[in-house]
Amino acid sequence: MTQLYIIRHGNTFDPGDTVTRVGARTDLPLSQSGKQQALHLRDHFQDALPHGFARAYCSSLARTRQTAEIILAGSVDPPSLETLPFLKEIDYGPDENQPEDQVEARVGRAALELWDREAKPPAGWKVDPQQLTQEWGALVDRLQTEKPERPVLLVTSNGIARFALRVVTTDLSRAGSIKLKTGAFGQLSLSGQEVRLLSWNLRPQTVV
């Protein structure tokens, strides 16, 4: 049985900053609170997984790589960090790097709630749900075939992580909000051809 931990990167904004919708075209580093979130994750997995990870994946974005590197720093013999292109955040089109109130004014609160409930993107966002679902499925299939003996770490972004749930169920509305908070993780269990969701949107402790 393989355990896959799907983690959203830490914060890219600190209290007092203007929060924008950061997508694939906005490569921000972790903020101070984001680094602290990554340290909490490092400490959590250091205790929960004393033998560490067999593999580690992230996107090409600095915020995911920094988060993964901090987590892996808690391992005695960490694996090499690999970049998977599909893990890069989605392109928010006209809403890329725009303040949240402006995004809501353009697309409407109902559209944003539908995105966080059923992964249906608002008009103008550049995202292919079918392709992302296929990419997640291909990764899960590969891990099921190769059967790593230790857990697998994967750090990505909010817009990408939710599509991993489609490998488990097609009815995402049953899960309520499918987004991951910054510094939060979900856990999938891969056994034979069975994929089970063990947890979603958990933070190791209260963080900013």
N, C-alpha and C. Protein backbone atom coordinates (compact mmCIF):
# COMPACT_ATOMS: atom_id res chain seq x y z
N MET A 1 0.85 -1.20 0.00
CA MET A 1 0.00 0.00 0.00
C MET A 1 0.88 1.25 0.00
N THR A 2 0.57 2.18 -0.87
CA THR A 2 1.32 3.44 -0.98
C THR A 2 0.48 4.59 -0.45
N GLN A 3 1.11 5.44 0.35
CA GLN A 3 0.45 6.63 0.86
C GLN A 3 0.92 7.85 0.06
N LEU A 4 -0.02 8.61 -0.48
CA LEU A 4 0.30 9.81 -1.25
C LEU A 4 -0.20 11.02 -0.47
N TYR A 5 0.73 11.88 -0.08
CA TYR A 5 0.40 13.11 0.63
C TYR A 5 0.41 14.28 -0.36
N ILE A 6 -0.74 14.91 -0.52
CA ILE A 6 -0.90 16.04 -1.44
C ILE A 6 -0.97 17.31 -0.60
N ILE A 7 0.00 18.20 -0.79
CA ILE A 7 0.15 19.37 0.08
C ILE A 7 0.03 20.64 -0.75
N ARG A 8 -0.71 21.60 -0.22
CA ARG A 8 -0.71 22.93 -0.84
C ARG A 8 0.42 23.74 -0.22
N HIS A 9 1.12 24.48 -1.05
CA HIS A 9 2.23 25.31 -0.59
C HIS A 9 1.78 26.28 0.52
N GLY A 10 2.74 26.86 1.20
CA GLY A 10 2.45 27.83 2.26
C GLY A 10 2.04 29.18 1.70
N ASN A 11 1.73 30.09 2.62
CA ASN A 11 1.28 31.43 2.25
C ASN A 11 2.29 32.16 1.36
N THR A 12 1.75 32.98 0.48
CA THR A 12 2.59 33.92 -0.28
C THR A 12 2.29 35.37 0.13
N PHE A 13 1.37 35.53 1.09
CA PHE A 13 1.04 36.85 1.62
C PHE A 13 1.05 36.78 3.14
N ASP A 14 1.40 37.88 3.78
CA ASP A 14 1.36 37.99 5.22
C ASP A 14 0.23 38.93 5.64
N PRO A 15 -0.17 38.91 6.90
CA PRO A 15 -1.21 39.83 7.37
C PRO A 15 -0.87 41.28 7.01
N GLY A 16 -1.86 41.98 6.46
CA GLY A 16 -1.66 43.36 6.02
C GLY A 16 -1.36 43.50 4.55
N ASP A 17 -0.95 42.41 3.89
CA ASP A 17 -0.72 42.44 2.45
C ASP A 17 -2.05 42.40 1.69
N THR A 18 -2.04 42.94 0.48
CA THR A 18 -3.20 42.81 -0.39
C THR A 18 -3.17 41.43 -1.04
N VAL A 19 -4.16 40.61 -0.71
CA VAL A 19 -4.20 39.23 -1.22
C VAL A 19 -4.76 39.23 -2.64
N THR A 20 -4.04 38.59 -3.54
CA THR A 20 -4.49 38.48 -4.92
C THR A 20 -4.63 37.00 -5.29
N ARG A 21 -5.29 36.74 -6.41
CA ARG A 21 -5.46 35.37 -6.88
C ARG A 21 -4.23 35.00 -7.70
N VAL A 22 -3.33 34.29 -7.07
CA VAL A 22 -2.03 33.99 -7.65
C VAL A 22 -2.12 32.70 -8.46
N GLY A 23 -1.84 32.80 -9.75
CA GLY A 23 -1.93 31.64 -10.62
C GLY A 23 -0.62 31.26 -11.25
N ALA A 24 -0.70 30.61 -12.40
CA ALA A 24 0.47 30.05 -13.06
C ALA A 24 1.44 31.11 -13.56
N ARG A 25 0.92 32.31 -13.83
CA ARG A 25 1.78 33.36 -14.38
C ARG A 25 2.37 34.27 -13.30
N THR A 26 2.11 33.96 -12.04
CA THR A 26 2.59 34.79 -10.94
C THR A 26 3.42 33.92 -10.01
N ASP A 27 4.74 34.03 -10.12
CA ASP A 27 5.64 33.13 -9.39
C ASP A 27 6.17 33.81 -8.13
N LEU A 28 5.35 33.80 -7.08
CA LEU A 28 5.75 34.43 -5.82
C LEU A 28 6.46 33.42 -4.91
N PRO A 29 7.42 33.89 -4.11
CA PRO A 29 8.03 33.02 -3.10
C PRO A 29 7.13 32.94 -1.87
N LEU A 30 7.48 32.08 -0.96
CA LEU A 30 6.76 32.01 0.30
C LEU A 30 6.97 33.28 1.11
N SER A 31 5.92 33.72 1.78
CA SER A 31 6.04 34.83 2.72
C SER A 31 6.59 34.29 4.04
N GLN A 32 6.78 35.17 5.02
CA GLN A 32 7.30 34.71 6.31
C GLN A 32 6.34 33.71 6.96
N SER A 33 5.03 33.99 6.90
CA SER A 33 4.07 33.05 7.48
C SER A 33 4.02 31.76 6.68
N GLY A 34 4.26 31.85 5.36
CA GLY A 34 4.30 30.65 4.53
C GLY A 34 5.47 29.75 4.88
N LYS A 35 6.61 30.35 5.17
CA LYS A 35 7.77 29.56 5.60
C LYS A 35 7.48 28.87 6.93
N GLN A 36 6.76 29.58 7.81
CA GLN A 36 6.41 28.99 9.09
C GLN A 36 5.45 27.81 8.91
N GLN A 37 4.53 27.95 7.98
CA GLN A 37 3.64 26.83 7.68
C GLN A 37 4.42 25.62 7.19
N ALA A 38 5.39 25.86 6.33
CA ALA A 38 6.21 24.76 5.82
C ALA A 38 7.01 24.10 6.95
N LEU A 39 7.46 24.89 7.90
CA LEU A 39 8.18 24.33 9.05
C LEU A 39 7.27 23.47 9.91
N HIS A 40 6.01 23.89 10.07
CA HIS A 40 5.05 23.07 10.80
C HIS A 40 4.84 21.74 10.09
N LEU A 41 4.76 21.78 8.77
CA LEU A 41 4.61 20.55 7.99
C LEU A 41 5.85 19.67 8.14
N ARG A 42 7.02 20.29 8.09
CA ARG A 42 8.26 19.53 8.28
C ARG A 42 8.25 18.79 9.61
N ASP A 43 7.90 19.51 10.68
CA ASP A 43 7.89 18.91 12.01
C ASP A 43 6.84 17.80 12.11
N HIS A 44 5.69 18.03 11.50
CA HIS A 44 4.62 17.02 11.53
C HIS A 44 5.07 15.72 10.88
N PHE A 45 5.62 15.82 9.68
CA PHE A 45 6.00 14.61 8.95
C PHE A 45 7.26 13.97 9.54
N GLN A 46 8.09 14.76 10.15
CA GLN A 46 9.26 14.21 10.82
C GLN A 46 8.82 13.27 11.95
N ASP A 47 7.76 13.65 12.65
CA ASP A 47 7.22 12.80 13.72
C ASP A 47 6.36 11.67 13.18
N ALA A 48 5.49 11.99 12.20
CA ALA A 48 4.53 11.00 11.70
C ALA A 48 5.17 9.96 10.79
N LEU A 49 6.23 10.36 10.06
CA LEU A 49 6.87 9.47 9.10
C LEU A 49 8.37 9.43 9.36
N PRO A 50 8.80 8.73 10.40
CA PRO A 50 10.23 8.75 10.77
C PRO A 50 11.15 8.22 9.67
N HIS A 51 10.62 7.42 8.77
CA HIS A 51 11.45 6.89 7.68
C HIS A 51 11.40 7.77 6.44
N GLY A 52 10.64 8.84 6.50
CA GLY A 52 10.62 9.82 5.42
C GLY A 52 9.84 9.37 4.20
N PHE A 53 10.13 10.04 3.09
CA PHE A 53 9.41 9.82 1.84
C PHE A 53 10.27 9.05 0.84
N ALA A 54 9.60 8.28 0.01
CA ALA A 54 10.29 7.56 -1.06
C ALA A 54 10.53 8.46 -2.27
N ARG A 55 9.55 9.34 -2.52
CA ARG A 55 9.63 10.24 -3.67
C ARG A 55 9.04 11.58 -3.29
N ALA A 56 9.42 12.60 -4.04
CA ALA A 56 8.91 13.94 -3.77
C ALA A 56 8.74 14.69 -5.08
N TYR A 57 7.55 15.30 -5.24
CA TYR A 57 7.23 16.03 -6.46
C TYR A 57 6.75 17.43 -6.11
N CYS A 58 6.99 18.36 -7.02
CA CYS A 58 6.45 19.72 -6.90
C CYS A 58 6.29 20.29 -8.30
N SER A 59 5.82 21.53 -8.38
CA SER A 59 5.72 22.21 -9.68
C SER A 59 6.97 23.06 -9.89
N SER A 60 6.98 23.79 -10.98
CA SER A 60 8.11 24.68 -11.27
C SER A 60 8.02 26.00 -10.52
N LEU A 61 6.92 26.26 -9.82
CA LEU A 61 6.72 27.51 -9.11
C LEU A 61 7.52 27.53 -7.81
N ALA A 62 8.09 28.69 -7.51
CA ALA A 62 8.95 28.82 -6.33
C ALA A 62 8.23 28.44 -5.05
N ARG A 63 6.97 28.80 -4.93
CA ARG A 63 6.26 28.56 -3.68
C ARG A 63 6.08 27.08 -3.39
N THR A 64 5.93 26.26 -4.43
CA THR A 64 5.81 24.82 -4.18
C THR A 64 7.17 24.20 -3.92
N ARG A 65 8.18 24.64 -4.64
CA ARG A 65 9.52 24.09 -4.44
C ARG A 65 10.05 24.45 -3.04
N GLN A 66 9.86 25.68 -2.61
CA GLN A 66 10.33 26.07 -1.29
C GLN A 66 9.64 25.26 -0.20
N THR A 67 8.32 25.08 -0.34
CA THR A 67 7.58 24.30 0.65
C THR A 67 8.11 22.88 0.72
N ALA A 68 8.30 22.25 -0.44
CA ALA A 68 8.79 20.88 -0.48
C ALA A 68 10.20 20.77 0.10
N GLU A 69 11.05 21.72 -0.23
CA GLU A 69 12.43 21.67 0.26
C GLU A 69 12.48 21.79 1.79
N ILE A 70 11.64 22.64 2.35
CA ILE A 70 11.62 22.78 3.81
C ILE A 70 11.12 21.50 4.46
N ILE A 71 10.07 20.89 3.89
CA ILE A 71 9.56 19.63 4.44
C ILE A 71 10.63 18.55 4.38
N LEU A 72 11.29 18.43 3.24
CA LEU A 72 12.29 17.38 3.05
C LEU A 72 13.52 17.59 3.91
N ALA A 73 13.75 18.82 4.34
CA ALA A 73 14.91 19.09 5.20
C ALA A 73 14.81 18.37 6.54
N GLY A 74 13.61 17.91 6.89
CA GLY A 74 13.43 17.16 8.12
C GLY A 74 13.73 15.68 7.99
N SER A 75 14.07 15.22 6.78
CA SER A 75 14.35 13.80 6.54
C SER A 75 15.85 13.53 6.59
N VAL A 76 16.20 12.36 7.07
CA VAL A 76 17.62 11.98 7.16
C VAL A 76 18.18 11.75 5.76
N ASP A 77 17.44 11.06 4.93
CA ASP A 77 17.90 10.73 3.58
C ASP A 77 16.80 11.06 2.58
N PRO A 78 16.56 12.37 2.32
CA PRO A 78 15.43 12.76 1.47
C PRO A 78 15.64 12.37 0.01
N PRO A 79 14.55 12.09 -0.70
CA PRO A 79 14.66 11.80 -2.12
C PRO A 79 14.92 13.08 -2.91
N SER A 80 15.36 12.92 -4.13
CA SER A 80 15.52 14.08 -5.01
C SER A 80 14.14 14.65 -5.32
N LEU A 81 14.05 15.97 -5.39
CA LEU A 81 12.79 16.64 -5.66
C LEU A 81 12.59 16.74 -7.17
N GLU A 82 11.52 16.13 -7.66
CA GLU A 82 11.23 16.11 -9.09
C GLU A 82 10.12 17.11 -9.42
N THR A 83 10.22 17.72 -10.60
CA THR A 83 9.21 18.66 -11.07
C THR A 83 8.27 17.96 -12.05
N LEU A 84 6.96 18.08 -11.78
CA LEU A 84 5.96 17.56 -12.70
C LEU A 84 5.20 18.74 -13.31
N PRO A 85 5.24 18.91 -14.62
CA PRO A 85 4.64 20.09 -15.26
C PRO A 85 3.17 20.30 -14.92
N PHE A 86 2.39 19.23 -14.79
CA PHE A 86 0.95 19.42 -14.60
C PHE A 86 0.61 19.98 -13.22
N LEU A 87 1.58 19.96 -12.30
CA LEU A 87 1.32 20.47 -10.96
C LEU A 87 1.35 21.99 -10.87
N LYS A 88 1.77 22.65 -11.94
CA LYS A 88 1.78 24.11 -11.95
C LYS A 88 0.34 24.63 -11.83
N GLU A 89 0.18 25.72 -11.10
CA GLU A 89 -1.15 26.28 -10.86
C GLU A 89 -1.86 26.63 -12.18
N ILE A 90 -3.19 26.73 -12.13
CA ILE A 90 -3.94 27.10 -13.32
C ILE A 90 -3.73 28.58 -13.64
N ASP A 91 -4.09 28.95 -14.84
CA ASP A 91 -4.02 30.35 -15.29
C ASP A 91 -5.39 30.97 -15.07
N TYR A 92 -5.44 32.00 -14.22
CA TYR A 92 -6.73 32.62 -13.89
C TYR A 92 -7.19 33.67 -14.91
N GLY A 93 -6.55 33.68 -16.07
CA GLY A 93 -7.01 34.56 -17.14
C GLY A 93 -7.05 36.01 -16.71
N PRO A 94 -8.17 36.70 -16.91
CA PRO A 94 -8.27 38.13 -16.55
C PRO A 94 -8.21 38.37 -15.04
N ASP A 95 -8.34 37.30 -14.24
CA ASP A 95 -8.31 37.44 -12.78
C ASP A 95 -6.93 37.14 -12.19
N GLU A 96 -5.97 36.81 -13.05
CA GLU A 96 -4.62 36.50 -12.58
C GLU A 96 -4.03 37.68 -11.81
N ASN A 97 -3.62 37.40 -10.57
CA ASN A 97 -2.95 38.37 -9.70
C ASN A 97 -3.82 39.59 -9.38
N GLN A 98 -5.13 39.40 -9.43
CA GLN A 98 -6.05 40.48 -9.09
C GLN A 98 -6.58 40.30 -7.67
N PRO A 99 -6.87 41.40 -6.95
CA PRO A 99 -7.43 41.29 -5.60
C PRO A 99 -8.73 40.50 -5.61
N GLU A 100 -8.98 39.78 -4.53
CA GLU A 100 -10.13 38.89 -4.48
C GLU A 100 -11.46 39.61 -4.64
N ASP A 101 -11.57 40.83 -4.13
CA ASP A 101 -12.84 41.53 -4.28
C ASP A 101 -13.12 41.86 -5.74
N GLN A 102 -12.06 42.13 -6.51
CA GLN A 102 -12.24 42.39 -7.93
C GLN A 102 -12.59 41.11 -8.69
N VAL A 103 -11.99 39.99 -8.28
CA VAL A 103 -12.31 38.72 -8.91
C VAL A 103 -13.79 38.38 -8.68
N GLU A 104 -14.24 38.54 -7.44
CA GLU A 104 -15.64 38.24 -7.13
C GLU A 104 -16.58 39.18 -7.87
N ALA A 105 -16.20 40.44 -8.02
CA ALA A 105 -17.04 41.39 -8.74
C ALA A 105 -17.20 40.98 -10.21
N ARG A 106 -16.15 40.39 -10.78
CA ARG A 106 -16.21 40.01 -12.19
C ARG A 106 -16.99 38.72 -12.40
N VAL A 107 -16.69 37.68 -11.61
CA VAL A 107 -17.27 36.36 -11.89
C VAL A 107 -18.50 36.06 -11.03
N GLY A 108 -18.63 36.74 -9.87
CA GLY A 108 -19.76 36.49 -8.99
C GLY A 108 -19.44 35.47 -7.90
N ARG A 109 -20.02 35.65 -6.73
CA ARG A 109 -19.80 34.75 -5.61
C ARG A 109 -20.25 33.33 -5.93
N ALA A 110 -21.35 33.17 -6.64
CA ALA A 110 -21.85 31.84 -6.97
C ALA A 110 -20.85 31.04 -7.80
N ALA A 111 -20.19 31.71 -8.74
CA ALA A 111 -19.21 31.03 -9.59
C ALA A 111 -18.01 30.57 -8.77
N LEU A 112 -17.58 31.38 -7.82
CA LEU A 112 -16.45 30.99 -6.98
C LEU A 112 -16.83 29.84 -6.05
N GLU A 113 -18.04 29.84 -5.56
CA GLU A 113 -18.49 28.74 -4.71
C GLU A 113 -18.59 27.44 -5.51
N LEU A 114 -19.00 27.54 -6.77
CA LEU A 114 -19.08 26.35 -7.63
C LEU A 114 -17.69 25.79 -7.89
N TRP A 115 -16.71 26.67 -8.04
CA TRP A 115 -15.32 26.27 -8.23
C TRP A 115 -14.82 25.50 -7.00
N ASP A 116 -15.16 25.97 -5.81
CA ASP A 116 -14.68 25.34 -4.59
C ASP A 116 -15.54 24.16 -4.15
N ARG A 117 -16.66 23.94 -4.83
CA ARG A 117 -17.51 22.81 -4.49
C ARG A 117 -17.42 21.70 -5.52
N GLU A 118 -17.32 22.07 -6.81
CA GLU A 118 -17.38 21.07 -7.88
C GLU A 118 -16.25 21.20 -8.89
N ALA A 119 -15.30 22.10 -8.66
CA ALA A 119 -14.15 22.29 -9.56
C ALA A 119 -14.57 22.71 -10.97
N LYS A 120 -15.66 23.47 -11.06
CA LYS A 120 -16.09 24.01 -12.34
C LYS A 120 -15.59 25.45 -12.44
N PRO A 121 -14.64 25.71 -13.35
CA PRO A 121 -14.00 27.04 -13.40
C PRO A 121 -14.91 28.12 -13.96
N PRO A 122 -14.81 29.34 -13.43
CA PRO A 122 -15.55 30.47 -13.98
C PRO A 122 -15.10 30.78 -15.41
N ALA A 123 -15.92 31.50 -16.13
CA ALA A 123 -15.60 31.90 -17.50
C ALA A 123 -14.32 32.73 -17.51
N GLY A 124 -13.44 32.44 -18.45
CA GLY A 124 -12.21 33.21 -18.61
C GLY A 124 -10.99 32.55 -18.01
N TRP A 125 -11.18 31.61 -17.09
CA TRP A 125 -10.03 30.92 -16.51
C TRP A 125 -9.53 29.86 -17.48
N LYS A 126 -8.22 29.71 -17.56
CA LYS A 126 -7.62 28.78 -18.52
C LYS A 126 -7.25 27.49 -17.81
N VAL A 127 -8.19 26.56 -17.83
CA VAL A 127 -7.99 25.29 -17.14
C VAL A 127 -8.80 24.22 -17.86
N ASP A 128 -8.20 23.05 -18.00
CA ASP A 128 -8.86 21.92 -18.64
C ASP A 128 -9.09 20.84 -17.59
N PRO A 129 -10.28 20.80 -16.97
CA PRO A 129 -10.55 19.82 -15.91
C PRO A 129 -10.31 18.38 -16.34
N GLN A 130 -10.69 18.04 -17.57
CA GLN A 130 -10.52 16.66 -18.04
C GLN A 130 -9.04 16.29 -18.12
N GLN A 131 -8.24 17.19 -18.64
CA GLN A 131 -6.81 16.89 -18.76
C GLN A 131 -6.16 16.75 -17.39
N LEU A 132 -6.51 17.64 -16.45
CA LEU A 132 -5.93 17.56 -15.12
C LEU A 132 -6.33 16.27 -14.42
N THR A 133 -7.58 15.87 -14.59
CA THR A 133 -8.03 14.61 -14.01
C THR A 133 -7.25 13.44 -14.59
N GLN A 134 -7.00 13.47 -15.89
CA GLN A 134 -6.23 12.41 -16.53
C GLN A 134 -4.79 12.38 -16.03
N GLU A 135 -4.21 13.57 -15.82
CA GLU A 135 -2.83 13.64 -15.31
C GLU A 135 -2.74 13.04 -13.92
N TRP A 136 -3.70 13.38 -13.05
CA TRP A 136 -3.71 12.79 -11.71
C TRP A 136 -3.88 11.28 -11.80
N GLY A 137 -4.79 10.84 -12.65
CA GLY A 137 -5.02 9.41 -12.80
C GLY A 137 -3.78 8.67 -13.28
N ALA A 138 -3.04 9.28 -14.20
CA ALA A 138 -1.83 8.64 -14.73
C ALA A 138 -0.76 8.53 -13.64
N LEU A 139 -0.64 9.56 -12.81
CA LEU A 139 0.33 9.52 -11.72
C LEU A 139 -0.05 8.43 -10.72
N VAL A 140 -1.32 8.37 -10.35
CA VAL A 140 -1.78 7.34 -9.41
C VAL A 140 -1.56 5.95 -9.99
N ASP A 141 -1.85 5.77 -11.27
CA ASP A 141 -1.64 4.47 -11.92
C ASP A 141 -0.16 4.07 -11.85
N ARG A 142 0.71 5.04 -12.09
CA ARG A 142 2.16 4.75 -12.07
C ARG A 142 2.61 4.33 -10.67
N LEU A 143 2.12 5.05 -9.67
CA LEU A 143 2.50 4.71 -8.30
C LEU A 143 1.93 3.35 -7.89
N GLN A 144 0.73 3.04 -8.35
CA GLN A 144 0.14 1.74 -8.04
C GLN A 144 0.94 0.61 -8.69
N THR A 145 1.50 0.88 -9.85
CA THR A 145 2.31 -0.13 -10.54
C THR A 145 3.67 -0.30 -9.88
N GLU A 146 4.30 0.83 -9.54
CA GLU A 146 5.67 0.79 -9.01
C GLU A 146 5.73 0.50 -7.52
N LYS A 147 4.65 0.79 -6.78
CA LYS A 147 4.51 0.45 -5.37
C LYS A 147 5.69 0.93 -4.50
N PRO A 148 5.92 2.23 -4.40
CA PRO A 148 6.96 2.71 -3.48
C PRO A 148 6.69 2.21 -2.06
N GLU A 149 7.74 1.82 -1.37
CA GLU A 149 7.56 1.23 -0.04
C GLU A 149 7.31 2.29 1.03
N ARG A 150 7.76 3.51 0.78
CA ARG A 150 7.51 4.60 1.72
C ARG A 150 6.55 5.61 1.09
N PRO A 151 5.99 6.51 1.88
CA PRO A 151 5.03 7.48 1.34
C PRO A 151 5.63 8.40 0.28
N VAL A 152 4.75 9.02 -0.48
CA VAL A 152 5.13 9.94 -1.56
C VAL A 152 4.65 11.34 -1.19
N LEU A 153 5.53 12.31 -1.33
CA LEU A 153 5.23 13.72 -1.06
C LEU A 153 4.95 14.43 -2.37
N LEU A 154 3.91 15.23 -2.40
CA LEU A 154 3.59 16.01 -3.59
C LEU A 154 3.11 17.39 -3.13
N VAL A 155 3.78 18.44 -3.60
CA VAL A 155 3.41 19.81 -3.24
C VAL A 155 2.95 20.54 -4.49
N THR A 156 1.75 21.09 -4.44
CA THR A 156 1.18 21.76 -5.60
C THR A 156 0.39 22.98 -5.14
N SER A 157 -0.50 23.45 -5.99
CA SER A 157 -1.28 24.66 -5.72
C SER A 157 -2.76 24.32 -5.57
N ASN A 158 -3.51 25.28 -5.08
CA ASN A 158 -4.92 25.09 -4.76
C ASN A 158 -5.74 24.65 -5.97
N GLY A 159 -5.52 25.30 -7.12
CA GLY A 159 -6.33 25.01 -8.30
C GLY A 159 -6.07 23.64 -8.89
N ILE A 160 -4.90 23.07 -8.61
CA ILE A 160 -4.53 21.77 -9.16
C ILE A 160 -4.92 20.64 -8.22
N ALA A 161 -4.71 20.84 -6.93
CA ALA A 161 -4.88 19.76 -5.95
C ALA A 161 -6.28 19.17 -5.98
N ARG A 162 -7.29 20.00 -6.15
CA ARG A 162 -8.68 19.53 -6.07
C ARG A 162 -9.02 18.45 -7.09
N PHE A 163 -8.31 18.44 -8.22
CA PHE A 163 -8.63 17.46 -9.25
C PHE A 163 -8.12 16.07 -8.90
N ALA A 164 -7.26 15.96 -7.88
CA ALA A 164 -6.85 14.64 -7.41
C ALA A 164 -8.04 13.88 -6.85
N LEU A 165 -9.01 14.62 -6.31
CA LEU A 165 -10.19 13.98 -5.73
C LEU A 165 -11.01 13.25 -6.77
N ARG A 166 -10.90 13.64 -8.03
CA ARG A 166 -11.67 12.97 -9.08
C ARG A 166 -11.16 11.56 -9.35
N VAL A 167 -9.97 11.27 -8.87
CA VAL A 167 -9.48 9.90 -8.98
C VAL A 167 -10.22 9.01 -7.99
N VAL A 168 -10.76 9.63 -6.93
CA VAL A 168 -11.47 8.90 -5.89
C VAL A 168 -12.98 8.87 -6.16
N THR A 169 -13.54 10.02 -6.57
CA THR A 169 -14.98 10.12 -6.81
C THR A 169 -15.26 11.16 -7.89
N THR A 170 -16.31 10.94 -8.66
CA THR A 170 -16.71 11.93 -9.67
C THR A 170 -17.67 12.96 -9.10
N ASP A 171 -18.23 12.68 -7.93
CA ASP A 171 -19.19 13.59 -7.31
C ASP A 171 -18.48 14.44 -6.26
N LEU A 172 -17.80 15.50 -6.72
CA LEU A 172 -17.03 16.32 -5.79
C LEU A 172 -17.91 17.12 -4.86
N SER A 173 -19.17 17.35 -5.23
CA SER A 173 -20.05 18.16 -4.39
C SER A 173 -20.30 17.50 -3.03
N ARG A 174 -20.13 16.20 -2.95
CA ARG A 174 -20.35 15.50 -1.69
C ARG A 174 -19.28 15.83 -0.65
N ALA A 175 -18.14 16.33 -1.10
CA ALA A 175 -17.03 16.62 -0.18
C ALA A 175 -17.12 18.02 0.41
N GLY A 176 -18.15 18.80 0.03
CA GLY A 176 -18.20 20.19 0.48
C GLY A 176 -17.15 21.00 -0.24
N SER A 177 -16.41 21.82 0.48
CA SER A 177 -15.32 22.57 -0.13
C SER A 177 -14.17 21.63 -0.45
N ILE A 178 -13.72 21.64 -1.68
CA ILE A 178 -12.66 20.71 -2.10
C ILE A 178 -11.30 21.40 -2.15
N LYS A 179 -11.24 22.66 -1.78
CA LYS A 179 -9.97 23.37 -1.82
C LYS A 179 -9.10 22.95 -0.64
N LEU A 180 -7.80 23.11 -0.81
CA LEU A 180 -6.86 22.96 0.28
C LEU A 180 -6.46 24.34 0.77
N LYS A 181 -6.45 24.54 2.07
CA LYS A 181 -5.91 25.76 2.64
C LYS A 181 -4.40 25.77 2.46
N THR A 182 -3.80 26.94 2.49
CA THR A 182 -2.34 26.99 2.45
C THR A 182 -1.77 26.21 3.63
N GLY A 183 -0.72 25.46 3.36
CA GLY A 183 -0.09 24.69 4.42
C GLY A 183 -0.90 23.50 4.89
N ALA A 184 -1.91 23.10 4.11
CA ALA A 184 -2.75 21.96 4.47
C ALA A 184 -2.47 20.79 3.52
N PHE A 185 -2.91 19.60 3.92
CA PHE A 185 -2.65 18.43 3.09
C PHE A 185 -3.83 17.47 3.07
N GLY A 186 -3.80 16.61 2.07
CA GLY A 186 -4.72 15.49 1.97
C GLY A 186 -3.91 14.22 1.83
N GLN A 187 -4.54 13.10 2.10
CA GLN A 187 -3.85 11.82 2.05
C GLN A 187 -4.67 10.80 1.28
N LEU A 188 -4.05 10.20 0.27
CA LEU A 188 -4.67 9.12 -0.49
C LEU A 188 -3.95 7.82 -0.19
N SER A 189 -4.71 6.74 -0.12
CA SER A 189 -4.16 5.41 0.05
C SER A 189 -4.33 4.66 -1.26
N LEU A 190 -3.22 4.13 -1.79
CA LEU A 190 -3.23 3.40 -3.06
C LEU A 190 -2.89 1.95 -2.78
N SER A 191 -3.87 1.08 -2.97
CA SER A 191 -3.67 -0.34 -2.70
C SER A 191 -4.24 -1.14 -3.85
N GLY A 192 -3.36 -1.84 -4.59
CA GLY A 192 -3.82 -2.55 -5.77
C GLY A 192 -4.42 -1.57 -6.75
N GLN A 193 -5.68 -1.79 -7.13
CA GLN A 193 -6.39 -0.86 -8.01
C GLN A 193 -7.33 0.06 -7.24
N GLU A 194 -7.29 -0.01 -5.92
CA GLU A 194 -8.18 0.78 -5.09
C GLU A 194 -7.50 2.07 -4.65
N VAL A 195 -8.24 3.17 -4.75
CA VAL A 195 -7.76 4.47 -4.28
C VAL A 195 -8.75 4.98 -3.25
N ARG A 196 -8.27 5.28 -2.05
CA ARG A 196 -9.15 5.76 -0.99
C ARG A 196 -8.66 7.10 -0.46
N LEU A 197 -9.60 7.96 -0.16
CA LEU A 197 -9.30 9.25 0.45
C LEU A 197 -9.32 9.07 1.96
N LEU A 198 -8.16 9.29 2.60
CA LEU A 198 -8.06 9.12 4.05
C LEU A 198 -8.28 10.44 4.79
N SER A 199 -7.88 11.54 4.19
CA SER A 199 -8.05 12.85 4.82
C SER A 199 -7.94 13.93 3.77
N TRP A 200 -8.45 15.11 4.10
CA TRP A 200 -8.38 16.24 3.16
C TRP A 200 -8.44 17.55 3.94
N ASN A 201 -7.60 18.47 3.53
CA ASN A 201 -7.61 19.84 4.06
C ASN A 201 -7.27 19.89 5.55
N LEU A 202 -6.24 19.15 5.93
CA LEU A 202 -5.77 19.14 7.31
C LEU A 202 -4.50 19.95 7.45
N ARG A 203 -4.42 20.72 8.51
CA ARG A 203 -3.17 21.38 8.87
C ARG A 203 -2.61 20.69 10.10
N PRO A 204 -1.28 20.54 10.18
CA PRO A 204 -0.71 19.83 11.32
C PRO A 204 -0.97 20.52 12.64
N GLN A 205 -1.13 21.84 12.62
CA GLN A 205 -1.51 22.59 13.79
C GLN A 205 -2.00 23.95 13.33
N THR A 206 -2.53 24.74 14.25
CA THR A 206 -3.05 26.05 13.88
C THR A 206 -1.91 26.95 13.45
N VAL A 207 -2.01 27.43 12.19
CA VAL A 207 -0.98 28.32 11.65
C VAL A 207 -1.67 29.51 11.02
N VAL A 208 -0.89 30.50 10.66
CA VAL A 208 -1.42 31.74 10.09
C VAL A 208 -1.99 31.48 8.71
